[in-house]
Amino acid sequence: MIRVTIADDHTLFADGLSEALTALPDIRVVGVAASGQELLEKLKAQPADVVLVDLEMPGLDGLGALDQMLPGPKAIVVSMHDNPERRLSARKAGALGMF
């Protein structure tokens, strides 16, 4: 079972992604957060194997949260911002990929 935590301040997107992943047999969504700080708190309470994280969230953003998670779960950035600088920043913060 792969434990996943989602961090995105767009509730509709985060909830939809959570429902889609929950429908898969080997994935369990263990948390949904709306900010980087909330993500860190959720991971302390319920560890995850994979984190899907947005870059732009209120307060502590996704990159800041990734920096504080190292070492931590595998991270994939899910963002509407797709440029080489953002990809490089995400990689440096520990993300394995960006979609």
PDB file of N, CA and C in Angstrom:
ATOM      1  N   MET A   1       0.841  -1.180   0.000  1.00  0.00           N
ATOM      2  CA  MET A   1       0.000   0.000   0.000  1.00  0.00           C
ATOM      3  C   MET A   1       0.889   1.247   0.000  1.00  0.00           C
ATOM      4  N   ILE A   2       0.650   2.140  -0.941  1.00  0.00           N
ATOM      5  CA  ILE A   2       1.391   3.402  -1.035  1.00  0.00           C
ATOM      6  C   ILE A   2       0.567   4.482  -0.349  1.00  0.00           C
ATOM      7  N   ARG A   3       1.161   5.100   0.675  1.00  0.00           N
ATOM      8  CA  ARG A   3       0.480   6.171   1.413  1.00  0.00           C
ATOM      9  C   ARG A   3       0.829   7.515   0.776  1.00  0.00           C
ATOM     10  N   VAL A   4      -0.199   8.295   0.426  1.00  0.00           N
ATOM     11  CA  VAL A   4      -0.021   9.554  -0.297  1.00  0.00           C
ATOM     12  C   VAL A   4      -0.626  10.707   0.501  1.00  0.00           C
ATOM     13  N   THR A   5       0.093  11.828   0.535  1.00  0.00           N
ATOM     14  CA  THR A   5      -0.450  13.064   1.070  1.00  0.00           C
ATOM     15  C   THR A   5      -0.440  14.094  -0.053  1.00  0.00           C
ATOM     16  N   ILE A   6      -1.535  14.852  -0.161  1.00  0.00           N
ATOM     17  CA  ILE A   6      -1.700  15.864  -1.200  1.00  0.00           C
ATOM     18  C   ILE A   6      -1.650  17.233  -0.544  1.00  0.00           C
ATOM     19  N   ALA A   7      -0.883  18.159  -1.135  1.00  0.00           N
ATOM     20  CA  ALA A   7      -0.824  19.535  -0.629  1.00  0.00           C
ATOM     21  C   ALA A   7      -1.138  20.487  -1.777  1.00  0.00           C
ATOM     22  N   ASP A   8      -2.311  21.097  -1.707  1.00  0.00           N
ATOM     23  CA  ASP A   8      -2.732  22.057  -2.727  1.00  0.00           C
ATOM     24  C   ASP A   8      -3.816  22.933  -2.117  1.00  0.00           C
ATOM     25  N   ASP A   9      -3.715  24.241  -2.318  1.00  0.00           N
ATOM     26  CA  ASP A   9      -4.694  25.146  -1.733  1.00  0.00           C
ATOM     27  C   ASP A   9      -5.969  25.266  -2.558  1.00  0.00           C
ATOM     28  N   HIS A  10      -6.029  24.622  -3.687  1.00  0.00           N
ATOM     29  CA  HIS A  10      -7.255  24.585  -4.493  1.00  0.00           C
ATOM     30  C   HIS A  10      -8.045  23.351  -4.064  1.00  0.00           C
ATOM     31  N   THR A  11      -9.021  23.570  -3.223  1.00  0.00           N
ATOM     32  CA  THR A  11      -9.756  22.475  -2.593  1.00  0.00           C
ATOM     33  C   THR A  11     -10.399  21.536  -3.605  1.00  0.00           C
ATOM     34  N   LEU A  12     -11.007  22.086  -4.624  1.00  0.00           N
ATOM     35  CA  LEU A  12     -11.668  21.255  -5.624  1.00  0.00           C
ATOM     36  C   LEU A  12     -10.669  20.312  -6.297  1.00  0.00           C
ATOM     37  N   PHE A  13      -9.491  20.833  -6.653  1.00  0.00           N
ATOM     38  CA  PHE A  13      -8.461  20.003  -7.275  1.00  0.00           C
ATOM     39  C   PHE A  13      -7.961  18.939  -6.297  1.00  0.00           C
ATOM     40  N   ALA A  14      -7.628  19.359  -5.075  1.00  0.00           N
ATOM     41  CA  ALA A  14      -7.085  18.422  -4.092  1.00  0.00           C
ATOM     42  C   ALA A  14      -8.080  17.312  -3.769  1.00  0.00           C
ATOM     43  N   ASP A  15      -9.347  17.674  -3.598  1.00  0.00           N
ATOM     44  CA  ASP A  15     -10.362  16.664  -3.298  1.00  0.00           C
ATOM     45  C   ASP A  15     -10.584  15.720  -4.478  1.00  0.00           C
ATOM     46  N   GLY A  16     -10.591  16.276  -5.690  1.00  0.00           N
ATOM     47  CA  GLY A  16     -10.756  15.433  -6.883  1.00  0.00           C
ATOM     48  C   GLY A  16      -9.592  14.464  -7.055  1.00  0.00           C
ATOM     49  N   LEU A  17      -8.383  14.965  -6.849  1.00  0.00           N
ATOM     50  CA  LEU A  17      -7.199  14.111  -6.938  1.00  0.00           C
ATOM     51  C   LEU A  17      -7.241  13.031  -5.865  1.00  0.00           C
ATOM     52  N   SER A  18      -7.653  13.404  -4.677  1.00  0.00           N
ATOM     53  CA  SER A  18      -7.764  12.437  -3.583  1.00  0.00           C
ATOM     54  C   SER A  18      -8.755  11.332  -3.928  1.00  0.00           C
ATOM     55  N   GLU A  19      -9.908  11.702  -4.465  1.00  0.00           N
ATOM     56  CA  GLU A  19     -10.905  10.698  -4.846  1.00  0.00           C
ATOM     57  C   GLU A  19     -10.386   9.784  -5.956  1.00  0.00           C
ATOM     58  N   ALA A  20      -9.708  10.369  -6.939  1.00  0.00           N
ATOM     59  CA  ALA A  20      -9.176   9.567  -8.047  1.00  0.00           C
ATOM     60  C   ALA A  20      -8.131   8.569  -7.543  1.00  0.00           C
ATOM     61  N   LEU A  21      -7.252   9.022  -6.667  1.00  0.00           N
ATOM     62  CA  LEU A  21      -6.207   8.131  -6.145  1.00  0.00           C
ATOM     63  C   LEU A  21      -6.787   7.064  -5.226  1.00  0.00           C
ATOM     64  N   THR A  22      -7.774   7.425  -4.448  1.00  0.00           N
ATOM     65  CA  THR A  22      -8.404   6.475  -3.532  1.00  0.00           C
ATOM     66  C   THR A  22      -9.050   5.320  -4.289  1.00  0.00           C
ATOM     67  N   ALA A  23      -9.462   5.578  -5.521  1.00  0.00           N
ATOM     68  CA  ALA A  23     -10.088   4.532  -6.334  1.00  0.00           C
ATOM     69  C   ALA A  23      -9.080   3.479  -6.803  1.00  0.00           C
ATOM     70  N   LEU A  24      -7.794   3.782  -6.702  1.00  0.00           N
ATOM     71  CA  LEU A  24      -6.771   2.824  -7.131  1.00  0.00           C
ATOM     72  C   LEU A  24      -6.514   1.826  -6.016  1.00  0.00           C
ATOM     73  N   PRO A  25      -6.320   0.555  -6.358  1.00  0.00           N
ATOM     74  CA  PRO A  25      -6.243  -0.488  -5.331  1.00  0.00           C
ATOM     75  C   PRO A  25      -5.043  -0.413  -4.389  1.00  0.00           C
ATOM     76  N   ASP A  26      -3.908   0.079  -4.832  1.00  0.00           N
ATOM     77  CA  ASP A  26      -2.714   0.042  -3.991  1.00  0.00           C
ATOM     78  C   ASP A  26      -2.315   1.403  -3.426  1.00  0.00           C
ATOM     79  N   ILE A  27      -3.243   2.367  -3.458  1.00  0.00           N
ATOM     80  CA  ILE A  27      -2.945   3.711  -2.972  1.00  0.00           C
ATOM     81  C   ILE A  27      -3.940   4.099  -1.886  1.00  0.00           C
ATOM     82  N   ARG A  28      -3.419   4.690  -0.835  1.00  0.00           N
ATOM     83  CA  ARG A  28      -4.275   5.207   0.243  1.00  0.00           C
ATOM     84  C   ARG A  28      -3.890   6.654   0.502  1.00  0.00           C
ATOM     85  N   VAL A  29      -4.817   7.571   0.329  1.00  0.00           N
ATOM     86  CA  VAL A  29      -4.558   8.973   0.630  1.00  0.00           C
ATOM     87  C   VAL A  29      -4.689   9.140   2.142  1.00  0.00           C
ATOM     88  N   VAL A  30      -3.587   9.540   2.780  1.00  0.00           N
ATOM     89  CA  VAL A  30      -3.574   9.647   4.241  1.00  0.00           C
ATOM     90  C   VAL A  30      -3.698  11.084   4.720  1.00  0.00           C
ATOM     91  N   GLY A  31      -3.691  12.044   3.792  1.00  0.00           N
ATOM     92  CA  GLY A  31      -3.849  13.431   4.207  1.00  0.00           C
ATOM     93  C   GLY A  31      -3.974  14.372   3.034  1.00  0.00           C
ATOM     94  N   VAL A  32      -4.687  15.469   3.274  1.00  0.00           N
ATOM     95  CA  VAL A  32      -4.811  16.551   2.304  1.00  0.00           C
ATOM     96  C   VAL A  32      -4.557  17.848   3.066  1.00  0.00           C
ATOM     97  N   ALA A  33      -3.638  18.664   2.539  1.00  0.00           N
ATOM     98  CA  ALA A  33      -3.263  19.919   3.192  1.00  0.00           C
ATOM     99  C   ALA A  33      -3.445  21.082   2.226  1.00  0.00           C
ATOM    100  N   ALA A  34      -3.707  22.273   2.782  1.00  0.00           N
ATOM    101  CA  ALA A  34      -3.923  23.460   1.955  1.00  0.00           C
ATOM    102  C   ALA A  34      -2.763  24.446   2.016  1.00  0.00           C
ATOM    103  N   SER A  35      -1.709  24.090   2.751  1.00  0.00           N
ATOM    104  CA  SER A  35      -0.525  24.961   2.837  1.00  0.00           C
ATOM    105  C   SER A  35       0.692  24.101   3.151  1.00  0.00           C
ATOM    106  N   GLY A  36       1.863  24.691   2.958  1.00  0.00           N
ATOM    107  CA  GLY A  36       3.085  23.971   3.278  1.00  0.00           C
ATOM    108  C   GLY A  36       3.193  23.639   4.753  1.00  0.00           C
ATOM    109  N   GLN A  37       2.790  24.565   5.607  1.00  0.00           N
ATOM    110  CA  GLN A  37       2.843  24.323   7.051  1.00  0.00           C
ATOM    111  C   GLN A  37       1.901  23.191   7.450  1.00  0.00           C
ATOM    112  N   GLU A  38       0.699  23.207   6.876  1.00  0.00           N
ATOM    113  CA  GLU A  38      -0.251  22.139   7.170  1.00  0.00           C
ATOM    114  C   GLU A  38       0.276  20.797   6.666  1.00  0.00           C
ATOM    115  N   LEU A  39       0.953  20.799   5.526  1.00  0.00           N
ATOM    116  CA  LEU A  39       1.563  19.574   5.006  1.00  0.00           C
ATOM    117  C   LEU A  39       2.557  19.000   6.012  1.00  0.00           C
ATOM    118  N   LEU A  40       3.437  19.841   6.531  1.00  0.00           N
ATOM    119  CA  LEU A  40       4.436  19.368   7.499  1.00  0.00           C
ATOM    120  C   LEU A  40       3.773  18.798   8.750  1.00  0.00           C
ATOM    121  N   GLU A  41       2.704  19.450   9.209  1.00  0.00           N
ATOM    122  CA  GLU A  41       1.981  18.963  10.384  1.00  0.00           C
ATOM    123  C   GLU A  41       1.317  17.620  10.102  1.00  0.00           C
ATOM    124  N   LYS A  42       0.723  17.477   8.921  1.00  0.00           N
ATOM    125  CA  LYS A  42       0.066  16.217   8.555  1.00  0.00           C
ATOM    126  C   LYS A  42       1.078  15.081   8.481  1.00  0.00           C
ATOM    127  N   LEU A  43       2.266  15.379   7.931  1.00  0.00           N
ATOM    128  CA  LEU A  43       3.288  14.332   7.805  1.00  0.00           C
ATOM    129  C   LEU A  43       3.811  13.890   9.169  1.00  0.00           C
ATOM    130  N   LYS A  44       3.846  14.797  10.137  1.00  0.00           N
ATOM    131  CA  LYS A  44       4.252  14.399  11.496  1.00  0.00           C
ATOM    132  C   LYS A  44       3.224  13.463  12.111  1.00  0.00           C
ATOM    133  N   ALA A  45       1.948  13.749  11.870  1.00  0.00           N
ATOM    134  CA  ALA A  45       0.874  12.947  12.450  1.00  0.00           C
ATOM    135  C   ALA A  45       0.664  11.633  11.708  1.00  0.00           C
ATOM    136  N   GLN A  46       0.849  11.665  10.390  1.00  0.00           N
ATOM    137  CA  GLN A  46       0.609  10.476   9.559  1.00  0.00           C
ATOM    138  C   GLN A  46       1.640  10.436   8.436  1.00  0.00           C
ATOM    139  N   PRO A  47       2.699   9.654   8.583  1.00  0.00           N
ATOM    140  CA  PRO A  47       3.734   9.583   7.538  1.00  0.00           C
ATOM    141  C   PRO A  47       3.158   9.135   6.196  1.00  0.00           C
ATOM    142  N   ALA A  48       3.815   9.576   5.132  1.00  0.00           N
ATOM    143  CA  ALA A  48       3.418   9.205   3.772  1.00  0.00           C
ATOM    144  C   ALA A  48       4.639   8.693   3.017  1.00  0.00           C
ATOM    145  N   ASP A  49       4.391   7.894   2.005  1.00  0.00           N
ATOM    146  CA  ASP A  49       5.460   7.420   1.131  1.00  0.00           C
ATOM    147  C   ASP A  49       5.711   8.408   0.001  1.00  0.00           C
ATOM    148  N   VAL A  50       4.631   9.071  -0.436  1.00  0.00           N
ATOM    149  CA  VAL A  50       4.694  10.008  -1.556  1.00  0.00           C
ATOM    150  C   VAL A  50       3.888  11.249  -1.194  1.00  0.00           C
ATOM    151  N   VAL A  51       4.429  12.409  -1.576  1.00  0.00           N
ATOM    152  CA  VAL A  51       3.722  13.676  -1.397  1.00  0.00           C
ATOM    153  C   VAL A  51       3.539  14.312  -2.767  1.00  0.00           C
ATOM    154  N   LEU A  52       2.305  14.708  -3.071  1.00  0.00           N
ATOM    155  CA  LEU A  52       2.005  15.476  -4.278  1.00  0.00           C
ATOM    156  C   LEU A  52       1.798  16.908  -3.801  1.00  0.00           C
ATOM    157  N   VAL A  53       2.654  17.831  -4.245  1.00  0.00           N
ATOM    158  CA  VAL A  53       2.650  19.170  -3.667  1.00  0.00           C
ATOM    159  C   VAL A  53       2.595  20.267  -4.731  1.00  0.00           C
ATOM    160  N   ASP A  54       1.744  21.259  -4.481  1.00  0.00           N
ATOM    161  CA  ASP A  54       1.654  22.447  -5.312  1.00  0.00           C
ATOM    162  C   ASP A  54       2.776  23.396  -4.902  1.00  0.00           C
ATOM    163  N   LEU A  55       3.256  24.208  -5.834  1.00  0.00           N
ATOM    164  CA  LEU A  55       4.313  25.160  -5.507  1.00  0.00           C
ATOM    165  C   LEU A  55       3.786  26.391  -4.804  1.00  0.00           C
ATOM    166  N   GLU A  56       2.679  26.919  -5.277  1.00  0.00           N
ATOM    167  CA  GLU A  56       2.159  28.173  -4.740  1.00  0.00           C
ATOM    168  C   GLU A  56       0.986  27.916  -3.816  1.00  0.00           C
ATOM    169  N   MET A  57       1.248  28.087  -2.521  1.00  0.00           N
ATOM    170  CA  MET A  57       0.229  27.944  -1.490  1.00  0.00           C
ATOM    171  C   MET A  57       0.431  29.083  -0.497  1.00  0.00           C
ATOM    172  N   PRO A  58      -0.606  29.433   0.258  1.00  0.00           N
ATOM    173  CA  PRO A  58      -0.462  30.524   1.223  1.00  0.00           C
ATOM    174  C   PRO A  58       0.501  30.163   2.356  1.00  0.00           C
ATOM    175  N   GLY A  59       1.124  31.189   2.905  1.00  0.00           N
ATOM    176  CA  GLY A  59       2.075  30.947   3.994  1.00  0.00           C
ATOM    177  C   GLY A  59       3.311  30.260   3.447  1.00  0.00           C
ATOM    178  N   LEU A  60       3.659  29.154   4.034  1.00  0.00           N
ATOM    179  CA  LEU A  60       4.798  28.368   3.573  1.00  0.00           C
ATOM    180  C   LEU A  60       4.429  27.706   2.250  1.00  0.00           C
ATOM    181  N   ASP A  61       5.170  28.032   1.186  1.00  0.00           N
ATOM    182  CA  ASP A  61       4.834  27.473  -0.130  1.00  0.00           C
ATOM    183  C   ASP A  61       5.388  26.057  -0.279  1.00  0.00           C
ATOM    184  N   GLY A  62       5.136  25.475  -1.436  1.00  0.00           N
ATOM    185  CA  GLY A  62       5.555  24.099  -1.680  1.00  0.00           C
ATOM    186  C   GLY A  62       7.054  23.892  -1.620  1.00  0.00           C
ATOM    187  N   LEU A  63       7.821  24.820  -2.198  1.00  0.00           N
ATOM    188  CA  LEU A  63       9.280  24.684  -2.161  1.00  0.00           C
ATOM    189  C   LEU A  63       9.806  24.769  -0.739  1.00  0.00           C
ATOM    190  N   GLY A  64       9.245  25.684   0.044  1.00  0.00           N
ATOM    191  CA  GLY A  64       9.651  25.802   1.446  1.00  0.00           C
ATOM    192  C   GLY A  64       9.348  24.537   2.226  1.00  0.00           C
ATOM    193  N   ALA A  65       8.188  23.959   1.960  1.00  0.00           N
ATOM    194  CA  ALA A  65       7.819  22.715   2.637  1.00  0.00           C
ATOM    195  C   ALA A  65       8.752  21.585   2.222  1.00  0.00           C
ATOM    196  N   LEU A  66       9.065  21.503   0.925  1.00  0.00           N
ATOM    197  CA  LEU A  66       9.983  20.460   0.458  1.00  0.00           C
ATOM    198  C   LEU A  66      11.341  20.596   1.128  1.00  0.00           C
ATOM    199  N   ASP A  67      11.831  21.818   1.235  1.00  0.00           N
ATOM    200  CA  ASP A  67      13.124  22.051   1.902  1.00  0.00           C
ATOM    201  C   ASP A  67      13.106  21.529   3.330  1.00  0.00           C
ATOM    202  N   GLN A  68      12.001  21.729   4.029  1.00  0.00           N
ATOM    203  CA  GLN A  68      11.911  21.309   5.431  1.00  0.00           C
ATOM    204  C   GLN A  68      11.642  19.813   5.591  1.00  0.00           C
ATOM    205  N   MET A  69      11.215  19.154   4.529  1.00  0.00           N
ATOM    206  CA  MET A  69      10.913  17.723   4.592  1.00  0.00           C
ATOM    207  C   MET A  69      12.149  16.849   4.420  1.00  0.00           C
ATOM    208  N   LEU A  70      13.235  17.404   3.892  1.00  0.00           N
ATOM    209  CA  LEU A  70      14.412  16.589   3.586  1.00  0.00           C
ATOM    210  C   LEU A  70      15.092  16.090   4.843  1.00  0.00           C
ATOM    211  N   PRO A  71      15.466  14.827   4.939  1.00  0.00           N
ATOM    212  CA  PRO A  71      14.966  13.761   4.073  1.00  0.00           C
ATOM    213  C   PRO A  71      13.516  13.460   4.421  1.00  0.00           C
ATOM    214  N   GLY A  72      12.789  13.021   3.468  1.00  0.00           N
ATOM    215  CA  GLY A  72      11.373  12.759   3.707  1.00  0.00           C
ATOM    216  C   GLY A  72      10.811  11.866   2.626  1.00  0.00           C
ATOM    217  N   PRO A  73       9.498  11.901   2.487  1.00  0.00           N
ATOM    218  CA  PRO A  73       8.870  11.060   1.467  1.00  0.00           C
ATOM    219  C   PRO A  73       9.237  11.530   0.066  1.00  0.00           C
ATOM    220  N   LYS A  74       9.046  10.661  -0.886  1.00  0.00           N
ATOM    221  CA  LYS A  74       9.249  11.043  -2.284  1.00  0.00           C
ATOM    222  C   LYS A  74       8.240  12.129  -2.620  1.00  0.00           C
ATOM    223  N   ALA A  75       8.675  13.144  -3.351  1.00  0.00           N
ATOM    224  CA  ALA A  75       7.806  14.280  -3.647  1.00  0.00           C
ATOM    225  C   ALA A  75       7.686  14.494  -5.152  1.00  0.00           C
ATOM    226  N   ILE A  76       6.468  14.770  -5.571  1.00  0.00           N
ATOM    227  CA  ILE A  76       6.182  15.132  -6.951  1.00  0.00           C
ATOM    228  C   ILE A  76       5.443  16.457  -6.911  1.00  0.00           C
ATOM    229  N   VAL A  77       5.929  17.424  -7.649  1.00  0.00           N
ATOM    230  CA  VAL A  77       5.285  18.728  -7.707  1.00  0.00           C
ATOM    231  C   VAL A  77       4.202  18.690  -8.781  1.00  0.00           C
ATOM    232  N   VAL A  78       3.026  19.162  -8.410  1.00  0.00           N
ATOM    233  CA  VAL A  78       1.912  19.273  -9.338  1.00  0.00           C
ATOM    234  C   VAL A  78       1.575  20.758  -9.400  1.00  0.00           C
ATOM    235  N   SER A  79       1.842  21.372 -10.556  1.00  0.00           N
ATOM    236  CA  SER A  79       1.673  22.823 -10.651  1.00  0.00           C
ATOM    237  C   SER A  79       1.287  23.236 -12.056  1.00  0.00           C
ATOM    238  N   MET A  80       0.570  24.350 -12.151  1.00  0.00           N
ATOM    239  CA  MET A  80       0.236  24.888 -13.464  1.00  0.00           C
ATOM    240  C   MET A  80       1.401  25.690 -14.023  1.00  0.00           C
ATOM    241  N   HIS A  81       2.393  25.980 -13.208  1.00  0.00           N
ATOM    242  CA  HIS A  81       3.562  26.744 -13.638  1.00  0.00           C
ATOM    243  C   HIS A  81       4.616  25.789 -14.181  1.00  0.00           C
ATOM    244  N   ASP A  82       4.884  25.889 -15.464  1.00  0.00           N
ATOM    245  CA  ASP A  82       5.813  24.971 -16.103  1.00  0.00           C
ATOM    246  C   ASP A  82       6.897  25.764 -16.823  1.00  0.00           C
ATOM    247  N   ASN A  83       7.982  26.011 -16.113  1.00  0.00           N
ATOM    248  CA  ASN A  83       9.126  26.644 -16.760  1.00  0.00           C
ATOM    249  C   ASN A  83      10.392  26.029 -16.190  1.00  0.00           C
ATOM    250  N   PRO A  84      11.487  26.126 -16.911  1.00  0.00           N
ATOM    251  CA  PRO A  84      12.730  25.473 -16.492  1.00  0.00           C
ATOM    252  C   PRO A  84      13.227  25.917 -15.116  1.00  0.00           C
ATOM    253  N   GLU A  85      13.066  27.194 -14.787  1.00  0.00           N
ATOM    254  CA  GLU A  85      13.532  27.679 -13.481  1.00  0.00           C
ATOM    255  C   GLU A  85      12.755  27.031 -12.344  1.00  0.00           C
ATOM    256  N   ARG A  86      11.429  26.914 -12.506  1.00  0.00           N
ATOM    257  CA  ARG A  86      10.601  26.289 -11.471  1.00  0.00           C
ATOM    258  C   ARG A  86      10.942  24.810 -11.345  1.00  0.00           C
ATOM    259  N   ARG A  87      11.184  24.145 -12.478  1.00  0.00           N
ATOM    260  CA  ARG A  87      11.573  22.728 -12.434  1.00  0.00           C
ATOM    261  C   ARG A  87      12.890  22.549 -11.671  1.00  0.00           C
ATOM    262  N   LEU A  88      13.863  23.406 -11.969  1.00  0.00           N
ATOM    263  CA  LEU A  88      15.157  23.322 -11.301  1.00  0.00           C
ATOM    264  C   LEU A  88      15.007  23.579  -9.804  1.00  0.00           C
ATOM    265  N   SER A  89      14.226  24.586  -9.439  1.00  0.00           N
ATOM    266  CA  SER A  89      13.997  24.883  -8.026  1.00  0.00           C
ATOM    267  C   SER A  89      13.336  23.705  -7.322  1.00  0.00           C
ATOM    268  N   ALA A  90      12.371  23.090  -7.988  1.00  0.00           N
ATOM    269  CA  ALA A  90      11.688  21.934  -7.405  1.00  0.00           C
ATOM    270  C   ALA A  90      12.650  20.764  -7.225  1.00  0.00           C
ATOM    271  N   ARG A  91      13.485  20.509  -8.208  1.00  0.00           N
ATOM    272  CA  ARG A  91      14.481  19.426  -8.103  1.00  0.00           C
ATOM    273  C   ARG A  91      15.453  19.687  -6.953  1.00  0.00           C
ATOM    274  N   LYS A  92      15.925  20.928  -6.860  1.00  0.00           N
ATOM    275  CA  LYS A  92      16.870  21.271  -5.780  1.00  0.00           C
ATOM    276  C   LYS A  92      16.238  21.116  -4.415  1.00  0.00           C
ATOM    277  N   ALA A  93      14.921  21.316  -4.341  1.00  0.00           N
ATOM    278  CA  ALA A  93      14.214  21.174  -3.064  1.00  0.00           C
ATOM    279  C   ALA A  93      13.893  19.719  -2.756  1.00  0.00           C
ATOM    280  N   GLY A  94      14.184  18.814  -3.677  1.00  0.00           N
ATOM    281  CA  GLY A  94      14.000  17.392  -3.411  1.00  0.00           C
ATOM    282  C   GLY A  94      12.908  16.700  -4.203  1.00  0.00           C
ATOM    283  N   ALA A  95      12.207  17.433  -5.064  1.00  0.00           N
ATOM    284  CA  ALA A  95      11.139  16.794  -5.853  1.00  0.00           C
ATOM    285  C   ALA A  95      11.750  15.867  -6.907  1.00  0.00           C
ATOM    286  N   LEU A  96      11.098  14.743  -7.116  1.00  0.00           N
ATOM    287  CA  LEU A  96      11.552  13.785  -8.131  1.00  0.00           C
ATOM    288  C   LEU A  96      11.047  14.145  -9.512  1.00  0.00           C
ATOM    289  N   GLY A  97       9.975  14.927  -9.566  1.00  0.00           N
ATOM    290  CA  GLY A  97       9.420  15.328 -10.849  1.00  0.00           C
ATOM    291  C   GLY A  97       8.442  16.461 -10.664  1.00  0.00           C
ATOM    292  N   MET A  98       8.032  17.030 -11.803  1.00  0.00           N
ATOM    293  CA  MET A  98       7.086  18.143 -11.773  1.00  0.00           C
ATOM    294  C   MET A  98       6.127  17.976 -12.931  1.00  0.00           C
ATOM    295  N   PHE A  99       4.836  18.022 -12.611  1.00  0.00           N
ATOM    296  CA  PHE A  99       3.796  17.856 -13.617  1.00  0.00           C
ATOM    297  C   PHE A  99       2.819  18.989 -13.524  1.00  0.00           C
TER     298      PHE A  99
END
